[in-house]
């Protein structure tokens, strides 16, 4: 927007570099150009300010497809003014010489024209196809059709306007239609999910069955091994008992042999001792038989005296002394 300073007789205008200024005096174009600054008299001057920067117009179009389904197309159209004089002759860009503002709404008129043309091209493109094809193709065909149509549009060329960019962000059906279109895919996905669930459950059952069979086989194997262990332990116990019996038998036989040998030795010893004792007794009897009675009596007395203990009293009778005295006299 131009900046205007007022003096008593003159006024000064200064425009931005993105604005093309056209100054008319007496119906003739006196000066023009972007970012101009000059003095002028308001009484005989008319000034138009045309923006020459790139401008973007967002749009949201509601159209119908070939199968009568409502669609929403959202995007942006970028344009610029390439011939300020031509557009200034077709659209009023005059500014108020006191405030520097436009006296009309030229940008709204220009945007309305561009939007109407873009909407027309969108309608022409989508009315030929059904909603499934439109959604499957995406935004690229719509964007290409809008760009080609605006570039070839003679009305924009007559206005001195050039379209620099067309962007289509989305094309979408209504919520009910989108849900209906998504339903088959959702059902297919749900079926796949259910199938996967069933397969997972079947696999789990198969795994559980395999685990149960494995456990059963393990139990059978353990029982068989336990049976073998019990048999082996019984055999070992029987063998140990047999070994103990054999050892006891050998020990008993050894003890019997030792006892028999000891008895034999003892009997031999007794026989030898008793024989010797008998021989001694016989020899002693023979010697005693050869001795006189007096000697035998003396020896008996001596033996008796040696074997007697302490004698408290001794009684001598005449019967005992008479034979002794008789022997002494002889």
Protein backbone atom coordinates (compact mmCIF):
# COMPACT_ATOMS: atom_id res chain seq x y z
CA UNK A 1 0.00 0.00 0.00
CA UNK A 2 1.33 3.43 -1.00
CA UNK A 3 2.30 6.01 1.61
CA UNK A 4 1.07 9.54 0.91
CA UNK A 5 2.27 12.68 2.69
CA UNK A 6 0.19 15.83 2.39
CA UNK A 7 1.53 19.38 2.11
CA UNK A 8 -0.46 22.56 1.57
CA UNK A 9 -0.25 22.45 -2.24
CA UNK A 10 1.56 19.21 -3.04
CA UNK A 11 1.52 15.63 -1.98
CA UNK A 12 4.20 13.00 -2.02
CA UNK A 13 3.68 9.30 -2.78
CA UNK A 14 6.03 6.47 -1.98
CA UNK A 15 5.20 2.91 -3.07
CA UNK A 16 6.65 -0.46 -2.14
CA UNK A 17 8.87 -2.40 -4.60
CA UNK A 18 6.13 -5.03 -4.93
CA UNK A 19 3.59 -2.46 -6.10
CA UNK A 20 3.42 -1.07 -9.65
CA UNK A 21 2.24 2.55 -9.59
CA UNK A 22 0.50 4.20 -12.58
CA UNK A 23 0.06 7.97 -12.28
CA UNK A 24 -2.33 9.76 -14.69
CA UNK A 25 -2.57 13.51 -15.15
CA UNK A 26 -5.05 15.03 -17.50
CA UNK A 27 -6.05 11.54 -18.67
CA UNK A 28 -2.53 10.70 -19.77
CA UNK A 29 -0.14 8.25 -18.17
CA UNK A 30 2.67 10.39 -16.79
CA UNK A 31 4.71 7.93 -14.74
CA UNK A 32 4.68 4.26 -13.84
CA UNK A 33 6.83 1.60 -12.32
CA UNK A 34 7.37 -0.46 -9.16
CA UNK A 35 8.42 1.27 -5.95
CA UNK A 36 8.03 4.77 -7.36
CA UNK A 37 8.20 7.99 -5.29
CA UNK A 38 7.11 11.35 -6.68
CA UNK A 39 5.31 14.62 -6.00
CA UNK A 40 1.88 15.30 -7.40
CA UNK A 41 -1.13 17.56 -7.14
CA UNK A 42 -4.32 15.85 -6.07
CA UNK A 43 -6.55 18.18 -8.08
CA UNK A 44 -5.50 16.84 -11.50
CA UNK A 45 -3.91 13.42 -10.73
CA UNK A 46 -5.26 9.85 -10.62
CA UNK A 47 -3.10 7.05 -9.34
CA UNK A 48 -3.53 3.26 -9.57
CA UNK A 49 -1.47 0.81 -7.53
CA UNK A 50 -1.22 -2.75 -8.85
CA UNK A 51 0.51 -5.42 -6.71
CA UNK A 52 2.99 -7.42 -8.79
CA UNK A 53 4.13 -9.89 -6.11
CA UNK A 54 3.16 -13.56 -6.14
CA UNK A 55 -0.15 -14.18 -4.45
CA UNK A 56 -1.76 -17.41 -3.33
CA UNK A 57 -5.48 -18.10 -3.28
CA UNK A 58 -6.57 -21.07 -1.16
CA UNK A 59 -9.69 -22.80 -2.41
CA UNK A 60 -12.18 -25.37 -1.15
CA UNK A 61 -14.52 -26.63 -3.89
CA UNK A 62 -17.57 -28.87 -3.43
CA UNK A 63 -18.23 -30.84 -6.61
CA UNK A 64 -19.98 -34.06 -7.71
CA UNK A 65 -18.57 -37.06 -9.47
CA UNK A 66 -20.04 -38.95 -12.40
CA UNK A 67 -21.93 -41.21 -9.99
CA UNK A 68 -23.40 -38.20 -8.16
CA UNK A 69 -21.23 -38.41 -5.07
CA UNK A 70 -20.21 -35.22 -3.26
CA UNK A 71 -16.50 -34.51 -3.12
CA UNK A 72 -14.38 -31.78 -1.57
CA UNK A 73 -11.26 -30.50 -3.34
CA UNK A 74 -8.81 -28.41 -1.36
CA UNK A 75 -5.75 -26.60 -2.69
CA UNK A 76 -4.01 -23.34 -3.56
CA UNK A 77 -3.60 -21.36 -6.79
CA UNK A 78 -0.61 -19.01 -7.06
CA UNK A 79 -0.62 -16.13 -9.55
CA UNK A 80 1.02 -12.81 -10.34
CA UNK A 81 0.27 -9.69 -12.40
CA UNK A 82 2.62 -9.53 -15.41
CA UNK A 83 0.98 -6.60 -17.23
CA UNK A 84 -0.09 -3.92 -14.71
CA UNK A 85 -1.44 -1.52 -17.38
CA UNK A 86 -3.73 -4.14 -18.85
CA UNK A 87 -5.15 -5.28 -15.52
CA UNK A 88 -5.51 -1.66 -14.39
CA UNK A 89 -7.66 -0.98 -17.46
CA UNK A 90 -9.94 -3.94 -16.69
CA UNK A 91 -10.12 -3.74 -12.90
CA UNK A 92 -10.22 -0.61 -10.78
CA UNK A 93 -6.95 -0.35 -8.79
CA UNK A 94 -7.32 3.42 -8.13
CA UNK A 95 -6.23 4.60 -4.69
CA UNK A 96 -7.54 7.35 -2.45
CA UNK A 97 -5.07 10.24 -2.69
CA UNK A 98 -5.61 11.07 0.97
CA UNK A 99 -5.18 7.64 2.56
CA UNK A 100 -3.38 5.62 -0.11
CA UNK A 101 -6.00 2.83 0.10
CA UNK A 102 -7.89 1.34 -2.81
CA UNK A 103 -11.23 2.91 -3.46
CA UNK A 104 -12.64 -0.48 -4.55
CA UNK A 105 -11.79 -4.14 -3.82
CA UNK A 106 -9.71 -5.08 -6.85
CA UNK A 107 -7.93 -8.04 -5.28
CA UNK A 108 -11.24 -9.66 -4.31
CA UNK A 109 -12.48 -9.26 -7.87
CA UNK A 110 -9.29 -10.72 -9.27
CA UNK A 111 -9.34 -13.62 -6.78
CA UNK A 112 -12.99 -14.30 -7.56
CA UNK A 113 -12.22 -14.54 -11.26
CA UNK A 114 -9.30 -16.92 -10.72
CA UNK A 115 -11.30 -19.08 -8.28
CA UNK A 116 -14.27 -19.34 -10.64
CA UNK A 117 -12.05 -20.46 -13.47
CA UNK A 118 -10.25 -22.99 -11.25
CA UNK A 119 -13.57 -24.35 -9.95
CA UNK A 120 -14.83 -24.71 -13.49
CA UNK A 121 -11.82 -26.81 -14.45
CA UNK A 122 -12.22 -28.97 -11.33
CA UNK A 123 -15.88 -29.59 -12.10
CA UNK A 124 -15.09 -30.42 -15.73
CA UNK A 125 -12.46 -32.94 -14.59
CA UNK A 126 -14.38 -34.72 -11.82
CA UNK A 127 -17.78 -34.94 -13.52
CA UNK A 128 -16.31 -37.41 -16.02
CA UNK A 129 -15.24 -40.02 -13.46
CA UNK A 130 -16.85 -41.91 -10.61
CA UNK A 131 -15.80 -41.49 -7.03
CA UNK A 132 -13.73 -44.69 -6.79
CA UNK A 133 -11.65 -43.77 -9.83
CA UNK A 134 -11.15 -40.22 -8.55
CA UNK A 135 -9.96 -41.38 -5.17
CA UNK A 136 -7.78 -44.08 -6.72
CA UNK A 137 -6.08 -41.61 -9.11
CA UNK A 138 -5.43 -39.07 -6.37
CA UNK A 139 -4.77 -35.36 -6.73
CA UNK A 140 -2.24 -35.42 -9.60
CA UNK A 141 -4.80 -35.48 -12.48
CA UNK A 142 -6.85 -32.72 -10.86
CA UNK A 143 -3.78 -30.54 -10.34
CA UNK A 144 -2.59 -31.06 -13.90
CA UNK A 145 -6.02 -30.28 -15.32
CA UNK A 146 -6.36 -27.04 -13.32
CA UNK A 147 -2.87 -25.87 -14.24
CA UNK A 148 -3.33 -26.63 -17.94
CA UNK A 149 -6.77 -24.98 -18.01
CA UNK A 150 -5.64 -21.77 -16.26
CA UNK A 151 -2.51 -21.54 -18.41
CA UNK A 152 -4.62 -21.74 -21.58
CA UNK A 153 -7.40 -19.47 -20.34
CA UNK A 154 -7.65 -16.41 -22.59
CA UNK A 155 -9.41 -14.31 -19.93
CA UNK A 156 -6.37 -14.40 -17.68
CA UNK A 157 -4.09 -13.49 -20.58
CA UNK A 158 -6.31 -10.51 -21.42
CA UNK A 159 -6.04 -9.37 -17.82
CA UNK A 160 -2.27 -9.71 -17.79
CA UNK A 161 -2.32 -12.39 -15.10
CA UNK A 162 -0.05 -15.43 -15.06
CA UNK A 163 -0.68 -18.55 -12.97
CA UNK A 164 2.61 -19.61 -11.36
CA UNK A 165 1.58 -22.63 -9.28
CA UNK A 166 -1.33 -24.95 -8.63
CA UNK A 167 -1.34 -27.23 -5.61
CA UNK A 168 -4.11 -29.64 -4.70
CA UNK A 169 -3.80 -30.82 -1.11
CA UNK A 170 -6.67 -33.29 -0.90
CA UNK A 171 -9.74 -34.68 -2.56
CA UNK A 172 -12.14 -36.32 -0.15
CA UNK A 173 -15.71 -37.64 -0.18
CA UNK A 174 -18.24 -37.06 2.56
CA UNK A 175 -17.79 -38.82 5.87
CA UNK A 176 -20.57 -41.34 5.12
CA UNK A 177 -19.20 -42.09 1.66
CA UNK A 178 -15.66 -42.39 2.97
CA UNK A 179 -16.85 -44.80 5.63
CA UNK A 180 -18.76 -46.82 3.04
CA UNK A 181 -15.74 -46.95 0.76
CA UNK A 182 -13.50 -47.97 3.62
CA UNK A 183 -15.89 -50.66 4.81
CA UNK A 184 -14.89 -53.39 2.29
CA UNK A 185 -11.25 -52.83 3.01
CA UNK A 186 -11.93 -52.85 6.73
CA UNK A 187 -13.94 -56.05 6.36
CA UNK A 188 -11.13 -57.65 4.36
CA UNK A 189 -8.59 -56.56 6.95
CA UNK A 190 -10.86 -57.83 9.73
CA UNK A 191 -11.26 -61.14 7.93
CA UNK A 192 -7.50 -61.39 7.57
CA UNK A 193 -7.16 -60.55 11.25
CA UNK A 194 -9.77 -63.18 12.17
CA UNK A 195 -8.04 -65.70 9.94
CA UNK A 196 -4.74 -64.87 11.59
CA UNK A 197 -6.41 -65.25 14.99
CA UNK A 198 -7.85 -68.62 14.01
CA UNK A 199 -4.51 -69.75 12.68
CA UNK A 200 -2.81 -68.55 15.84
CA UNK A 201 -5.34 -70.41 17.98
CA UNK A 202 -4.98 -73.55 15.86
CA UNK A 203 -1.23 -73.28 16.14
CA UNK A 204 -1.57 -72.81 19.89
CA UNK A 205 -3.80 -75.92 20.13
CA UNK A 206 -1.36 -77.88 17.99
CA UNK A 207 1.49 -76.68 20.15
CA UNK A 208 -0.38 -77.64 23.31
CA UNK A 209 -1.13 -81.08 21.84
CA UNK A 210 2.52 -81.52 20.91
CA UNK A 211 3.55 -80.42 24.40
CA UNK A 212 1.07 -82.85 25.98
CA UNK A 213 2.33 -85.69 23.77
CA UNK A 214 5.87 -84.79 24.60
CA UNK A 215 5.06 -84.77 28.31
CA UNK A 216 3.30 -88.16 27.94
CA UNK A 217 6.29 -89.60 26.12
CA UNK A 218 8.56 -88.21 28.81
CA UNK A 219 6.41 -89.77 31.53
CA UNK A 220 6.41 -93.11 29.72
CA UNK A 221 10.16 -92.94 29.29
CA UNK A 222 10.60 -91.99 32.94
CA UNK A 223 8.33 -94.88 33.99
CA UNK A 224 10.32 -97.29 31.81
CA UNK A 225 13.59 -96.04 33.23
CA UNK A 226 12.15 -96.25 36.75
CA UNK A 227 11.13 -99.85 36.05
CA UNK A 228 14.62 -100.60 34.81
CA UNK A 229 16.04 -98.88 37.87
CA UNK A 230 13.82 -100.90 40.22
CA UNK A 231 14.81 -104.13 38.44
CA UNK A 232 18.44 -103.19 38.56
CA UNK A 233 18.19 -102.26 42.25
CA UNK A 234 16.42 -105.60 43.00
CA UNK A 235 19.09 -107.51 41.11
CA UNK A 236 21.76 -105.59 42.96
CA UNK A 237 20.02 -106.30 46.29
CA UNK A 238 19.78 -110.00 45.45
CA UNK A 239 23.41 -110.03 44.40
CA UNK A 240 24.43 -108.25 47.58
CA UNK A 241 22.40 -110.76 49.64
CA UNK A 242 23.99 -113.68 47.78
CA UNK A 243 27.41 -112.17 48.27
CA UNK A 244 26.67 -111.71 51.98
CA UNK A 245 25.46 -115.33 52.28
CA UNK A 246 28.52 -116.59 50.43
CA UNK A 247 30.76 -114.44 52.60
CA UNK A 248 28.97 -115.67 55.74
CA UNK A 249 29.31 -119.27 54.52
CA UNK A 250 33.00 -118.81 53.84
CA UNK A 251 33.40 -117.15 57.22
CA UNK A 252 31.47 -119.96 58.97
CA UNK A 253 33.54 -122.59 57.18
CA UNK A 254 36.68 -120.76 58.19
CA UNK A 255 35.45 -120.52 61.78
CA UNK A 256 34.56 -124.23 61.79
CA UNK A 257 37.95 -125.10 60.40
CA UNK A 258 39.63 -122.87 62.99
CA UNK A 259 37.56 -124.43 65.77
CA UNK A 260 38.32 -127.93 64.52
CA UNK A 261 42.01 -127.16 64.30
CA UNK A 262 41.94 -125.61 67.78
CA UNK A 263 40.07 -128.64 69.14
CA UNK A 264 42.55 -130.96 67.45
CA UNK A 265 45.43 -129.03 68.89
CA UNK A 266 43.80 -128.95 72.32
CA UNK A 267 43.07 -132.67 72.23
CA UNK A 268 46.61 -133.39 71.16
CA UNK A 269 47.89 -131.14 73.91
CA UNK A 270 45.62 -132.79 76.49
CA UNK A 271 46.66 -136.24 75.33
CA UNK A 272 50.30 -135.32 75.52
CA UNK A 273 49.95 -133.59 78.89
CA UNK A 274 47.83 -136.35 80.38
CA UNK A 275 50.15 -138.99 78.99
CA UNK A 276 53.09 -137.21 80.53
CA UNK A 277 51.13 -136.81 83.76
CA UNK A 278 50.25 -140.50 83.70
CA UNK A 279 53.85 -141.40 83.06
CA UNK A 280 54.92 -139.14 85.93
CA UNK A 281 52.26 -140.59 88.17
CA UNK A 282 53.26 -144.15 87.23
CA UNK A 283 56.91 -143.36 87.81
CA UNK A 284 56.01 -141.72 91.11
CA UNK A 285 53.87 -144.72 92.09
CA UNK A 286 56.71 -147.06 91.17
CA UNK A 287 59.14 -144.97 93.24
CA UNK A 288 56.68 -144.77 96.12
CA UNK A 289 56.15 -148.52 96.01
CA UNK A 290 59.87 -149.05 96.25
CA UNK A 291 60.28 -146.75 99.33
CA UNK A 292 59.80 -147.94 102.89
CA UNK A 293 56.61 -147.00 104.68
CA UNK A 294 58.44 -144.77 107.10
CA UNK A 295 59.91 -142.73 104.35
CA UNK A 296 56.58 -142.44 102.72
CA UNK A 297 55.08 -141.34 105.98
CA UNK A 298 57.79 -138.73 106.47
CA UNK A 299 57.33 -137.47 102.97
CA UNK A 300 53.58 -137.31 103.51
CA UNK A 301 54.09 -135.40 106.68
CA UNK A 302 56.42 -132.98 104.98
CA UNK A 303 53.95 -132.52 102.13
CA UNK A 304 51.22 -132.00 104.65
CA UNK A 305 53.25 -129.45 106.55
CA UNK A 306 54.02 -127.59 103.36
CA UNK A 307 50.38 -127.44 102.30
CA UNK A 308 48.89 -126.64 105.71
CA UNK A 309 48.29 -123.06 106.61
CA UNK A 310 48.47 -121.58 110.08
CA UNK A 311 47.84 -124.26 112.72
CA UNK A 312 46.10 -122.95 115.78
CA UNK A 313 45.91 -126.22 117.74
CA UNK A 314 47.61 -129.61 117.32
CA UNK A 315 46.28 -132.64 119.16
CA UNK A 316 48.64 -135.64 119.55
CA UNK A 317 47.03 -138.85 120.73
CA UNK A 318 48.79 -141.92 122.08
CA UNK A 319 47.60 -143.84 119.09
CA UNK A 320 49.70 -141.62 116.91
CA UNK A 321 52.86 -141.76 119.06
CA UNK A 322 52.92 -145.46 119.84
CA UNK A 323 53.87 -146.65 116.33
CA UNK A 324 56.39 -143.84 116.01
CA UNK A 325 58.10 -144.71 119.27
CA UNK A 326 58.15 -148.37 118.37
CA UNK A 327 59.96 -147.58 115.12
CA UNK A 328 62.44 -145.43 116.99
CA UNK A 329 63.30 -148.27 119.38
CA UNK A 330 64.00 -150.61 116.50
